[in-house]
Protein backbone atom coordinates (compact mmCIF):
# COMPACT_ATOMS: atom_id res chain seq x y z
CA MET A 1 132.50 158.56 82.62
CA GLN A 2 131.43 161.66 81.11
CA GLN A 3 131.00 159.84 78.06
CA GLN A 4 129.08 157.70 79.18
CA GLN A 5 126.63 159.54 81.04
CA ILE A 6 126.34 161.37 77.67
CA GLN A 7 125.41 158.41 75.67
CA GLU A 8 122.95 157.17 78.68
CA GLU A 9 121.27 160.62 78.25
CA GLU A 10 121.06 160.48 74.29
CA LYS A 11 118.86 156.78 75.04
CA GLY A 12 116.89 158.41 77.06
CA PHE A 13 117.95 159.08 80.62
CA ASN A 14 120.39 160.07 82.56
CA LEU A 15 121.62 157.64 85.21
CA THR A 16 123.87 158.91 88.02
CA ASP A 17 126.49 157.40 89.79
CA ARG A 18 124.13 158.31 92.97
CA ASP A 19 121.79 156.72 91.22
CA PHE A 20 123.28 153.75 90.37
CA ASN A 21 125.20 152.80 93.50
CA PHE A 22 121.63 153.96 95.32
CA ILE A 23 120.56 150.88 92.76
CA ARG A 24 122.91 148.47 93.61
CA ASN A 25 122.98 148.74 97.37
CA LEU A 26 119.02 148.47 97.09
CA VAL A 27 120.20 144.83 95.62
CA SER A 28 122.38 143.95 97.60
CA GLU A 29 120.00 144.60 100.30
CA GLU A 30 117.05 142.60 99.24
CA THR A 31 118.65 139.82 97.25
CA GLY A 32 122.39 139.49 98.06
CA ILE A 33 123.63 140.34 94.70
CA VAL A 34 126.56 142.41 94.20
CA LEU A 35 126.27 144.64 91.08
CA SER A 36 130.01 145.41 89.84
CA GLU A 37 130.81 148.84 88.02
CA ALA A 38 130.56 146.43 84.87
CA LYS A 39 126.86 145.94 84.97
CA ARG A 40 125.97 149.54 85.03
CA ASN A 41 124.55 149.28 81.14
CA LEU A 42 122.30 146.23 82.67
CA VAL A 43 121.36 148.26 84.73
CA TYR A 44 119.94 150.60 82.79
CA GLY A 45 118.38 149.03 79.99
CA ARG A 46 116.76 147.02 82.06
CA LEU A 47 115.02 149.70 84.75
CA ALA A 48 114.79 152.62 81.60
CA ARG A 49 111.79 149.77 80.76
CA ARG A 50 110.12 150.53 84.32
CA ILE A 51 111.11 154.37 84.16
CA ARG A 52 108.82 154.78 81.02
CA THR A 53 106.27 151.84 82.35
CA LEU A 54 105.53 153.93 85.38
CA GLY A 55 105.55 157.75 83.25
CA LEU A 56 108.71 158.48 85.72
CA ALA A 57 110.70 161.80 84.03
CA ASP A 58 114.32 160.23 85.27
CA PHE A 59 115.95 157.62 87.45
CA SER A 60 115.72 160.24 90.48
CA SER A 61 112.33 159.81 90.23
CA TYR A 62 112.42 156.40 90.65
CA CYS A 63 115.03 155.76 93.23
CA ASN A 64 112.96 158.35 95.07
CA MET A 65 109.94 155.82 94.77
CA LEU A 66 111.42 152.33 95.69
CA LYS A 67 113.16 154.27 98.49
CA ASN A 68 109.36 155.03 99.29
CA ARG A 69 109.35 150.79 99.35
CA ASP A 70 106.55 150.59 97.30
CA GLY A 71 105.75 147.18 98.06
CA ASP A 72 104.78 146.43 94.23
CA GLU A 73 107.16 148.26 92.58
CA ILE A 74 110.22 146.59 94.52
CA VAL A 75 108.89 143.47 93.15
CA ASP A 76 109.00 144.42 89.94
CA PHE A 77 112.18 146.02 90.26
CA ILE A 78 113.84 142.70 91.76
CA ASN A 79 112.39 141.15 88.78
CA ALA A 80 113.57 143.47 86.12
CA ILE A 81 117.56 143.53 87.18
CA THR A 82 117.75 139.77 88.29
CA THR A 83 118.88 137.99 85.52
CA ASN A 84 117.31 134.40 84.22
CA LEU A 85 119.65 132.65 81.53
CA THR A 86 118.77 128.94 81.25
CA SER A 87 117.56 125.74 79.32
CA PHE A 88 116.69 122.24 79.30
CA PHE A 89 119.41 119.73 80.35
CA ARG A 90 121.69 122.82 80.59
CA GLU A 91 125.52 121.86 81.51
CA ASN A 92 123.93 117.98 80.67
CA HIS A 93 127.11 116.46 83.26
CA HIS A 94 125.09 116.76 86.24
CA PHE A 95 122.14 115.20 84.69
CA GLU A 96 124.22 112.15 83.73
CA PHE A 97 125.67 112.29 87.38
CA LEU A 98 122.11 112.25 88.86
CA ALA A 99 121.22 109.52 87.13
CA ASN A 100 124.23 107.01 86.89
CA THR A 101 125.27 108.17 90.37
CA VAL A 102 122.81 110.03 92.93
CA ILE A 103 119.54 108.15 92.18
CA PRO A 104 121.01 104.33 92.25
CA LYS A 105 122.44 105.36 95.94
CA LEU A 106 119.41 107.51 96.79
CA LEU A 107 117.45 103.90 95.90
CA GLN A 108 119.61 101.96 98.05
CA THR A 109 119.79 104.64 101.57
CA ASN A 110 116.34 105.49 101.25
CA VAL A 111 114.94 102.41 100.49
CA VAL A 112 113.04 102.44 104.19
CA ASN A 113 111.23 105.29 104.00
CA ARG A 114 111.01 105.81 99.94
CA ARG A 115 111.46 109.31 99.95
CA ILE A 116 113.23 111.68 97.86
CA ARG A 117 114.03 115.63 97.68
CA ILE A 118 115.57 117.63 95.42
CA TRP A 119 115.63 121.43 95.56
CA SER A 120 116.30 123.64 92.38
CA ALA A 121 117.57 127.01 94.07
CA GLY A 122 116.89 129.40 91.59
CA CYS A 123 115.05 127.91 89.41
CA SER A 124 114.28 130.74 86.69
CA THR A 125 111.68 129.82 83.98
CA GLY A 126 111.78 126.05 85.10
CA GLU A 127 113.90 124.07 82.07
CA GLU A 128 116.16 122.89 85.51
CA PRO A 129 113.11 121.58 87.22
CA TYR A 130 111.81 120.02 84.78
CA SER A 131 115.07 118.12 83.43
CA ILE A 132 115.81 117.10 86.82
CA ALA A 133 111.44 115.33 86.48
CA MET A 134 112.50 114.05 83.43
CA THR A 135 116.03 112.94 84.86
CA LEU A 136 113.84 111.10 87.88
CA ARG A 137 110.37 109.77 86.10
CA GLU A 138 113.53 108.14 83.77
CA ASN A 139 115.07 106.33 86.28
CA ILE A 140 113.50 105.26 89.02
CA PRO A 141 111.46 101.83 88.67
CA ASN A 142 108.11 102.14 89.71
CA ILE A 143 108.42 106.06 91.09
CA GLU A 144 104.89 106.25 91.88
CA SER A 145 105.62 104.11 94.96
CA TRP A 146 108.40 106.42 96.23
CA ASP A 147 107.57 110.09 97.89
CA VAL A 148 109.56 112.35 95.06
CA LYS A 149 109.06 115.67 95.49
CA ILE A 150 110.88 119.11 93.65
CA LEU A 151 111.04 121.98 95.58
CA ALA A 152 111.76 124.72 92.87
CA THR A 153 112.23 128.45 93.81
CA ASP A 154 113.30 131.41 92.44
CA LEU A 155 113.09 135.08 93.50
CA ASP A 156 111.56 136.72 90.40
CA SER A 157 107.47 136.31 90.44
CA ASN A 158 107.33 136.37 86.42
CA VAL A 159 109.51 133.12 85.57
CA LEU A 160 108.13 131.83 88.34
CA ALA A 161 104.63 131.89 87.00
CA THR A 162 106.34 130.86 83.40
CA ALA A 163 108.06 127.84 85.17
CA ALA A 164 104.49 126.95 86.60
CA ALA A 165 102.66 127.09 83.44
CA GLY A 166 104.97 124.50 81.57
CA ILE A 167 104.79 126.15 78.41
CA TYR A 168 107.50 127.21 76.53
CA SER A 169 108.31 127.73 72.31
CA LYS A 170 109.40 124.84 70.51
CA ASP A 171 112.87 126.40 69.94
CA ARG A 172 113.48 125.82 73.35
CA VAL A 173 113.31 122.05 73.14
CA THR A 174 115.11 121.63 69.43
CA GLY A 175 118.29 120.82 71.92
CA ILE A 176 116.27 117.55 73.72
CA ALA A 177 116.44 113.86 71.74
CA LYS A 178 113.04 113.57 69.54
CA PRO A 179 112.24 110.65 71.54
CA ARG A 180 112.44 112.62 75.14
CA GLN A 181 110.67 115.57 73.11
CA LYS A 182 107.79 113.05 72.74
CA LYS A 183 107.25 111.17 76.03
CA TRP A 184 107.73 114.40 77.91
CA PHE A 185 105.93 117.10 75.71
CA LEU A 186 102.61 117.62 74.73
CA THR A 187 101.26 119.54 71.17
CA SER A 188 98.40 121.23 71.11
CA ASN A 189 95.63 121.99 68.84
CA ASN A 190 95.23 125.31 70.06
CA GLU A 191 95.85 127.87 66.82
CA SER A 192 97.21 130.15 70.10
CA LEU A 193 99.60 127.16 71.24
CA GLU A 194 100.80 126.90 67.31
CA ASP A 195 104.28 127.22 68.09
CA LYS A 196 104.19 126.45 71.50
CA VAL A 197 104.77 122.77 73.61
CA GLN A 198 103.50 121.65 77.33
CA VAL A 199 105.56 120.04 79.89
CA SER A 200 103.82 116.72 80.31
CA LYS A 201 101.17 116.04 83.68
CA GLU A 202 103.95 113.65 84.76
CA LEU A 203 106.28 115.89 84.89
CA LYS A 204 104.56 118.59 86.88
CA ASP A 205 103.26 116.70 89.21
CA LEU A 206 106.90 116.21 90.69
CA ILE A 207 107.47 120.06 91.57
CA THR A 208 106.02 122.57 93.82
CA PHE A 209 107.20 126.18 92.49
CA LYS A 210 107.65 128.93 95.50
CA GLN A 211 108.54 132.53 95.51
CA LEU A 212 111.98 132.31 97.83
CA ASN A 213 113.97 134.95 98.73
CA LEU A 214 117.30 133.16 99.23
CA MET A 215 118.60 136.11 101.74
CA GLN A 216 115.38 135.46 104.00
CA ASP A 217 113.82 132.60 106.23
CA TRP A 218 113.39 129.42 104.58
CA PRO A 219 109.72 128.44 105.61
CA PHE A 220 110.17 124.66 105.07
CA LYS A 221 111.40 121.55 107.50
CA GLY A 222 113.60 118.51 106.57
CA HIS A 223 116.25 117.88 104.17
CA PHE A 224 117.31 117.21 100.48
CA ASP A 225 119.22 114.70 98.76
CA CYS A 226 120.39 117.21 96.53
CA ILE A 227 120.57 120.79 95.90
CA PHE A 228 120.63 122.68 92.33
CA CYS A 229 121.92 126.21 92.68
CA ARG A 230 123.56 126.84 89.61
CA ASN A 231 124.57 130.38 88.33
CA VAL A 232 123.41 131.88 91.63
CA VAL A 233 125.99 132.50 94.19
CA ILE A 234 128.38 134.08 91.05
CA TYR A 235 126.19 136.81 92.05
CA PHE A 236 127.05 137.43 96.12
CA SER A 237 129.95 138.54 97.27
CA LYS A 238 132.21 136.55 99.32
CA ASP A 239 130.66 136.82 102.79
CA THR A 240 127.56 136.18 101.90
CA GLN A 241 128.25 132.74 99.73
CA ARG A 242 129.57 131.10 103.21
CA VAL A 243 126.41 132.15 104.73
CA LEU A 244 124.10 130.55 102.27
CA VAL A 245 126.21 127.95 101.58
CA ASN A 246 126.71 127.29 105.21
CA ARG A 247 122.25 126.97 105.67
CA TYR A 248 122.25 124.83 102.76
CA ALA A 249 124.28 122.43 104.40
CA ASP A 250 122.03 122.46 107.39
CA LYS A 251 119.17 121.45 104.99
CA MET A 252 120.58 118.82 103.45
CA ALA A 253 120.97 114.75 104.12
CA GLU A 254 124.44 113.36 104.90
CA ASP A 255 126.46 112.72 101.72
CA ALA A 256 124.44 115.09 99.63
CA HIS A 257 124.99 116.27 96.62
CA LEU A 258 125.59 120.20 96.11
CA PHE A 259 125.78 121.36 92.11
CA LEU A 260 126.77 124.82 91.03
CA GLY A 261 126.91 126.54 87.85
CA HIS A 262 130.15 126.23 85.75
CA SER A 263 132.48 129.08 86.62
CA GLU A 264 131.10 128.90 90.61
CA SER A 265 133.11 127.27 93.46
CA LEU A 266 133.32 126.64 97.01
CA PHE A 267 137.23 127.70 97.23
CA LYS A 268 137.51 129.46 100.29
CA VAL A 269 133.60 129.67 100.74
CA SER A 270 132.29 126.31 102.90
CA ASP A 271 134.54 122.85 104.28
CA ARG A 272 131.51 120.97 104.70
CA PHE A 273 131.97 119.97 100.92
CA LYS A 274 134.15 117.96 99.20
CA LEU A 275 134.00 118.25 95.53
CA LEU A 276 133.99 115.76 93.46
CA GLY A 277 134.98 117.20 90.15
CA GLN A 278 132.84 118.87 87.62
CA THR A 279 130.92 121.91 89.77
CA ILE A 280 129.95 118.44 91.81
CA TYR A 281 130.07 118.50 95.71
CA GLN A 282 129.19 116.24 98.51
CA ARG A 283 128.47 117.01 101.79
CA THR A 284 130.91 116.12 104.66
CA GLN A 285 129.98 117.88 107.40
């Protein structure tokens, strides 16, 4: 521990055990995310930038600011800590299952009200909900005659702004097949957007982006046919996972599907879902 603190001092600041534990507890209270000791360097790297930006002397000064519940800084603090790693069609088998199994089923079961609702919980910079939107557009005939909406939420206001803008560097879409790129992404003659692409209006029209803390009240009604909550619950304690997944089940239609990340599981978390395989679950109660 002493060697680690010396290394931190050489980098500019000393992150004491006391300050680190305060930060861990605050993150847990605000977001439900549990930071292990292994995340110490991540915490240092992300918050050291905030300390320099604010012109503060050390982590203790920054923690004192957080203790005073500075509202704006709490938002920046959460934005800095939360991890946002995503890509278009990440874990592609989920989108194949959505296209080949879920959508055909919904076209039958929802034929009367012609309504489909999908929630991307923890949408990060938007690649996931836009991948969902592409899948829906490509697999629902006469989609304009249906009431189809995707709710995309995240705790981090910065990544939500990126998601809502729908502008990405060209290297972000290189893994997407060329015909799909051509259909759903636009290039611009604007020099400032020379190396970027813009998501098409057809995809944007399906999505509503909202900031949401999963640990707080959810200000929406109705039920979802699918929920994507991938690489989110891994940061929560088992007790928090149980509460969250139970709340998901309450907001899901009968036989609705829940998609988790590749390293996540509902084992000993919930008995309201059955595992269909490859981190795809179906609500049973």
